[in-house]
Amino acid sequence: MLHRNLKGLLLLNGLLIALLGAVTFAPAAEAQQRFRGKYAMVSGRAQGSTPYLLYILDQNSRQLVAVRYNVQQDLLEGMGYRDLVKDAATIRQNRK
């Protein structure tokens, strides 16, 4: 009985070592590098909107989003999005 248990343990250890070797030497996955955002926020009202909106600007990606808080549903609702880089390029094209 002891000899049979020892064989099973040796076989299990061999499989675990093989699995560890396969995971260790497998090609690594490359993640996309995204830098941490720098954010600026300001609140204000939009035309025709009673609740205040929160405007959030990511200074690294130059993207602006407007959200408002819905009291009845207890959640933030997206109200609008702008890519300021694209907007600036459009303005430059129109001025030429």
N, C-alpha and C. Protein backbone atom coordinates (compact mmCIF):
# COMPACT_ATOMS: atom_id res chain seq x y z
N MET A 1 0.82 -1.19 0.00
CA MET A 1 0.00 0.00 0.00
C MET A 1 0.87 1.26 0.00
N LEU A 2 1.94 1.27 0.79
CA LEU A 2 2.82 2.43 0.86
C LEU A 2 3.53 2.65 -0.47
N HIS A 3 3.91 1.55 -1.15
CA HIS A 3 4.59 1.65 -2.45
C HIS A 3 3.67 2.27 -3.50
N ARG A 4 2.38 1.92 -3.45
CA ARG A 4 1.41 2.45 -4.41
C ARG A 4 1.19 3.96 -4.18
N ASN A 5 1.09 4.37 -2.90
CA ASN A 5 0.92 5.79 -2.58
C ASN A 5 2.13 6.60 -3.01
N LEU A 6 3.32 6.03 -2.84
CA LEU A 6 4.55 6.72 -3.23
C LEU A 6 4.60 6.92 -4.74
N LYS A 7 4.19 5.91 -5.50
CA LYS A 7 4.15 6.03 -6.96
C LYS A 7 3.19 7.14 -7.39
N GLY A 8 2.02 7.18 -6.76
CA GLY A 8 1.02 8.20 -7.09
C GLY A 8 1.54 9.61 -6.78
N LEU A 9 2.21 9.76 -5.63
CA LEU A 9 2.76 11.06 -5.28
C LEU A 9 3.87 11.49 -6.23
N LEU A 10 4.72 10.53 -6.63
CA LEU A 10 5.80 10.85 -7.57
C LEU A 10 5.22 11.24 -8.93
N LEU A 11 4.20 10.54 -9.37
CA LEU A 11 3.55 10.86 -10.64
C LEU A 11 2.89 12.25 -10.58
N LEU A 12 2.21 12.55 -9.48
CA LEU A 12 1.58 13.85 -9.31
C LEU A 12 2.63 14.96 -9.28
N ASN A 13 3.71 14.77 -8.58
CA ASN A 13 4.79 15.77 -8.54
C ASN A 13 5.40 15.98 -9.92
N GLY A 14 5.57 14.90 -10.69
CA GLY A 14 6.11 15.02 -12.04
C GLY A 14 5.18 15.83 -12.93
N LEU A 15 3.87 15.60 -12.82
CA LEU A 15 2.90 16.37 -13.60
C LEU A 15 2.90 17.85 -13.20
N LEU A 16 2.99 18.10 -11.90
CA LEU A 16 3.02 19.49 -11.44
C LEU A 16 4.29 20.21 -11.90
N ILE A 17 5.42 19.54 -11.90
CA ILE A 17 6.67 20.15 -12.39
C ILE A 17 6.57 20.43 -13.88
N ALA A 18 5.99 19.50 -14.64
CA ALA A 18 5.82 19.71 -16.08
C ALA A 18 4.89 20.91 -16.34
N LEU A 19 3.81 21.01 -15.57
CA LEU A 19 2.90 22.13 -15.71
C LEU A 19 3.57 23.45 -15.35
N LEU A 20 4.35 23.45 -14.30
CA LEU A 20 5.08 24.66 -13.92
C LEU A 20 6.08 25.06 -15.00
N GLY A 21 6.77 24.10 -15.59
CA GLY A 21 7.70 24.40 -16.68
C GLY A 21 7.00 24.95 -17.90
N ALA A 22 5.82 24.42 -18.21
CA ALA A 22 5.07 24.91 -19.37
C ALA A 22 4.60 26.35 -19.16
N VAL A 23 4.17 26.66 -17.96
CA VAL A 23 3.71 28.02 -17.67
C VAL A 23 4.90 28.98 -17.62
N THR A 24 6.00 28.55 -17.07
CA THR A 24 7.17 29.41 -16.92
C THR A 24 7.79 29.78 -18.26
N PHE A 25 7.89 28.83 -19.17
CA PHE A 25 8.57 29.06 -20.44
C PHE A 25 7.61 29.42 -21.58
N ALA A 26 6.35 29.59 -21.28
CA ALA A 26 5.39 30.02 -22.30
C ALA A 26 5.65 31.48 -22.65
N PRO A 27 5.32 31.91 -23.87
CA PRO A 27 5.53 33.31 -24.23
C PRO A 27 4.70 34.24 -23.34
N ALA A 28 5.30 35.34 -22.96
CA ALA A 28 4.63 36.29 -22.07
C ALA A 28 3.64 37.15 -22.85
N ALA A 29 2.56 37.51 -22.22
CA ALA A 29 1.57 38.40 -22.83
C ALA A 29 2.02 39.84 -22.63
N GLU A 30 1.90 40.62 -23.68
CA GLU A 30 2.28 42.03 -23.61
C GLU A 30 1.03 42.87 -23.39
N ALA A 31 1.04 43.66 -22.36
CA ALA A 31 -0.10 44.53 -22.06
C ALA A 31 0.12 45.89 -22.70
N GLN A 32 -0.97 46.56 -22.99
CA GLN A 32 -0.86 47.92 -23.51
C GLN A 32 -0.48 48.84 -22.36
N GLN A 33 0.42 49.73 -22.64
CA GLN A 33 0.85 50.65 -21.60
C GLN A 33 -0.03 51.90 -21.64
N ARG A 34 -0.67 52.18 -20.55
CA ARG A 34 -1.51 53.38 -20.44
C ARG A 34 -1.03 54.13 -19.22
N PHE A 35 -0.72 55.38 -19.44
CA PHE A 35 -0.24 56.19 -18.34
C PHE A 35 -1.41 56.63 -17.47
N ARG A 36 -1.10 56.84 -16.24
CA ARG A 36 -2.09 57.28 -15.28
C ARG A 36 -2.65 58.64 -15.68
N GLY A 37 -3.95 58.80 -15.57
CA GLY A 37 -4.59 60.04 -15.98
C GLY A 37 -4.40 61.16 -14.98
N LYS A 38 -4.39 62.37 -15.50
CA LYS A 38 -4.44 63.58 -14.67
C LYS A 38 -5.79 64.20 -14.94
N TYR A 39 -6.58 64.35 -13.90
CA TYR A 39 -7.96 64.77 -14.08
C TYR A 39 -8.21 66.15 -13.48
N ALA A 40 -9.07 66.90 -14.13
CA ALA A 40 -9.59 68.16 -13.61
C ALA A 40 -11.11 68.06 -13.68
N MET A 41 -11.79 68.53 -12.62
CA MET A 41 -13.24 68.45 -12.58
C MET A 41 -13.82 69.80 -12.19
N VAL A 42 -14.96 70.12 -12.77
CA VAL A 42 -15.66 71.35 -12.42
C VAL A 42 -17.16 71.07 -12.59
N SER A 43 -17.95 71.69 -11.74
CA SER A 43 -19.40 71.51 -11.86
C SER A 43 -20.01 72.76 -12.48
N GLY A 44 -21.15 72.59 -13.10
CA GLY A 44 -21.84 73.72 -13.72
C GLY A 44 -23.17 73.26 -14.28
N ARG A 45 -23.92 74.19 -14.76
CA ARG A 45 -25.23 73.88 -15.36
C ARG A 45 -25.15 73.97 -16.87
N ALA A 46 -25.88 73.12 -17.52
CA ALA A 46 -26.02 73.18 -18.97
C ALA A 46 -27.35 73.83 -19.29
N GLN A 47 -27.48 74.35 -20.49
CA GLN A 47 -28.74 74.98 -20.89
C GLN A 47 -29.86 73.95 -20.87
N GLY A 48 -30.94 74.28 -20.20
CA GLY A 48 -32.10 73.39 -20.16
C GLY A 48 -31.96 72.26 -19.17
N SER A 49 -30.95 72.27 -18.32
CA SER A 49 -30.74 71.20 -17.35
C SER A 49 -30.84 71.77 -15.94
N THR A 50 -31.73 71.21 -15.13
CA THR A 50 -31.89 71.68 -13.76
C THR A 50 -30.76 71.21 -12.85
N PRO A 51 -30.44 69.89 -12.83
CA PRO A 51 -29.36 69.48 -11.92
C PRO A 51 -28.00 69.91 -12.46
N TYR A 52 -27.09 70.08 -11.56
CA TYR A 52 -25.73 70.43 -11.96
C TYR A 52 -25.05 69.25 -12.65
N LEU A 53 -24.18 69.58 -13.59
CA LEU A 53 -23.38 68.57 -14.27
C LEU A 53 -21.97 68.62 -13.74
N LEU A 54 -21.29 67.49 -13.79
CA LEU A 54 -19.89 67.42 -13.42
C LEU A 54 -19.10 67.17 -14.70
N TYR A 55 -18.23 68.11 -15.03
CA TYR A 55 -17.39 67.99 -16.22
C TYR A 55 -16.03 67.44 -15.77
N ILE A 56 -15.60 66.32 -16.38
CA ILE A 56 -14.35 65.67 -16.01
C ILE A 56 -13.44 65.67 -17.23
N LEU A 57 -12.24 66.23 -17.08
CA LEU A 57 -11.27 66.31 -18.17
C LEU A 57 -10.07 65.45 -17.83
N ASP A 58 -9.73 64.51 -18.71
CA ASP A 58 -8.47 63.75 -18.59
C ASP A 58 -7.42 64.54 -19.36
N GLN A 59 -6.48 65.12 -18.64
CA GLN A 59 -5.50 66.00 -19.26
C GLN A 59 -4.49 65.25 -20.11
N ASN A 60 -4.26 63.96 -19.84
CA ASN A 60 -3.32 63.19 -20.66
C ASN A 60 -3.91 62.83 -22.01
N SER A 61 -5.13 62.33 -22.03
CA SER A 61 -5.75 61.93 -23.30
C SER A 61 -6.57 63.04 -23.92
N ARG A 62 -6.76 64.13 -23.19
CA ARG A 62 -7.55 65.29 -23.65
C ARG A 62 -8.97 64.89 -24.05
N GLN A 63 -9.61 64.16 -23.15
CA GLN A 63 -11.00 63.77 -23.36
C GLN A 63 -11.85 64.37 -22.24
N LEU A 64 -13.03 64.83 -22.61
CA LEU A 64 -13.93 65.49 -21.68
C LEU A 64 -15.24 64.71 -21.62
N VAL A 65 -15.74 64.48 -20.42
CA VAL A 65 -17.01 63.80 -20.26
C VAL A 65 -17.85 64.61 -19.26
N ALA A 66 -19.15 64.66 -19.50
CA ALA A 66 -20.08 65.33 -18.59
C ALA A 66 -21.02 64.29 -18.02
N VAL A 67 -21.20 64.31 -16.70
CA VAL A 67 -22.09 63.37 -16.02
C VAL A 67 -22.97 64.14 -15.06
N ARG A 68 -24.12 63.55 -14.73
CA ARG A 68 -24.98 64.11 -13.70
C ARG A 68 -25.44 62.99 -12.79
N TYR A 69 -25.80 63.36 -11.57
CA TYR A 69 -26.26 62.38 -10.59
C TYR A 69 -27.78 62.30 -10.63
N ASN A 70 -28.30 61.10 -10.84
CA ASN A 70 -29.74 60.85 -10.85
C ASN A 70 -30.14 60.40 -9.45
N VAL A 71 -30.86 61.25 -8.73
CA VAL A 71 -31.22 60.97 -7.34
C VAL A 71 -32.19 59.80 -7.26
N GLN A 72 -33.17 59.71 -8.16
CA GLN A 72 -34.17 58.65 -8.10
C GLN A 72 -33.56 57.27 -8.27
N GLN A 73 -32.60 57.14 -9.20
CA GLN A 73 -32.00 55.83 -9.48
C GLN A 73 -30.67 55.64 -8.76
N ASP A 74 -30.17 56.67 -8.07
CA ASP A 74 -28.92 56.62 -7.31
C ASP A 74 -27.74 56.17 -8.18
N LEU A 75 -27.56 56.87 -9.32
CA LEU A 75 -26.44 56.55 -10.22
C LEU A 75 -26.01 57.78 -11.01
N LEU A 76 -24.82 57.68 -11.58
CA LEU A 76 -24.31 58.74 -12.46
C LEU A 76 -24.73 58.43 -13.88
N GLU A 77 -25.22 59.44 -14.58
CA GLU A 77 -25.63 59.28 -15.98
C GLU A 77 -24.67 60.08 -16.86
N GLY A 78 -24.18 59.46 -17.91
CA GLY A 78 -23.35 60.16 -18.87
C GLY A 78 -24.19 61.11 -19.71
N MET A 79 -23.77 62.36 -19.79
CA MET A 79 -24.53 63.35 -20.54
C MET A 79 -23.87 63.74 -21.85
N GLY A 80 -22.55 63.59 -21.93
CA GLY A 80 -21.88 63.96 -23.17
C GLY A 80 -20.39 63.62 -23.10
N TYR A 81 -19.78 63.54 -24.29
CA TYR A 81 -18.36 63.21 -24.41
C TYR A 81 -17.77 64.02 -25.55
N ARG A 82 -16.56 64.51 -25.37
CA ARG A 82 -15.84 65.22 -26.45
C ARG A 82 -14.38 64.79 -26.43
N ASP A 83 -13.83 64.56 -27.61
CA ASP A 83 -12.40 64.35 -27.78
C ASP A 83 -11.82 65.70 -28.21
N LEU A 84 -11.13 66.36 -27.31
CA LEU A 84 -10.66 67.72 -27.56
C LEU A 84 -9.58 67.78 -28.63
N VAL A 85 -8.82 66.71 -28.82
CA VAL A 85 -7.80 66.68 -29.88
C VAL A 85 -8.48 66.74 -31.25
N LYS A 86 -9.54 65.94 -31.43
CA LYS A 86 -10.27 65.96 -32.71
C LYS A 86 -10.96 67.30 -32.93
N ASP A 87 -11.51 67.88 -31.86
CA ASP A 87 -12.16 69.18 -31.98
C ASP A 87 -11.16 70.26 -32.41
N ALA A 88 -9.97 70.23 -31.82
CA ALA A 88 -8.95 71.23 -32.18
C ALA A 88 -8.51 71.05 -33.63
N ALA A 89 -8.38 69.79 -34.09
CA ALA A 89 -8.00 69.55 -35.49
C ALA A 89 -9.08 70.05 -36.44
N THR A 90 -10.34 69.87 -36.09
CA THR A 90 -11.44 70.34 -36.92
C THR A 90 -11.44 71.87 -37.00
N ILE A 91 -11.19 72.52 -35.90
CA ILE A 91 -11.16 73.99 -35.89
C ILE A 91 -10.01 74.50 -36.76
N ARG A 92 -8.85 73.86 -36.67
CA ARG A 92 -7.70 74.27 -37.49
C ARG A 92 -8.00 74.10 -38.97
N GLN A 93 -8.68 73.01 -39.35
CA GLN A 93 -9.00 72.79 -40.76
C GLN A 93 -9.98 73.84 -41.27
N ASN A 94 -10.93 74.22 -40.43
CA ASN A 94 -11.93 75.20 -40.85
C ASN A 94 -11.37 76.60 -40.99
N ARG A 95 -10.29 76.90 -40.31
CA ARG A 95 -9.69 78.24 -40.39
C ARG A 95 -8.81 78.41 -41.60
N LYS A 96 -8.44 77.35 -42.27
CA LYS A 96 -7.54 77.46 -43.44
C LYS A 96 -8.29 77.89 -44.66
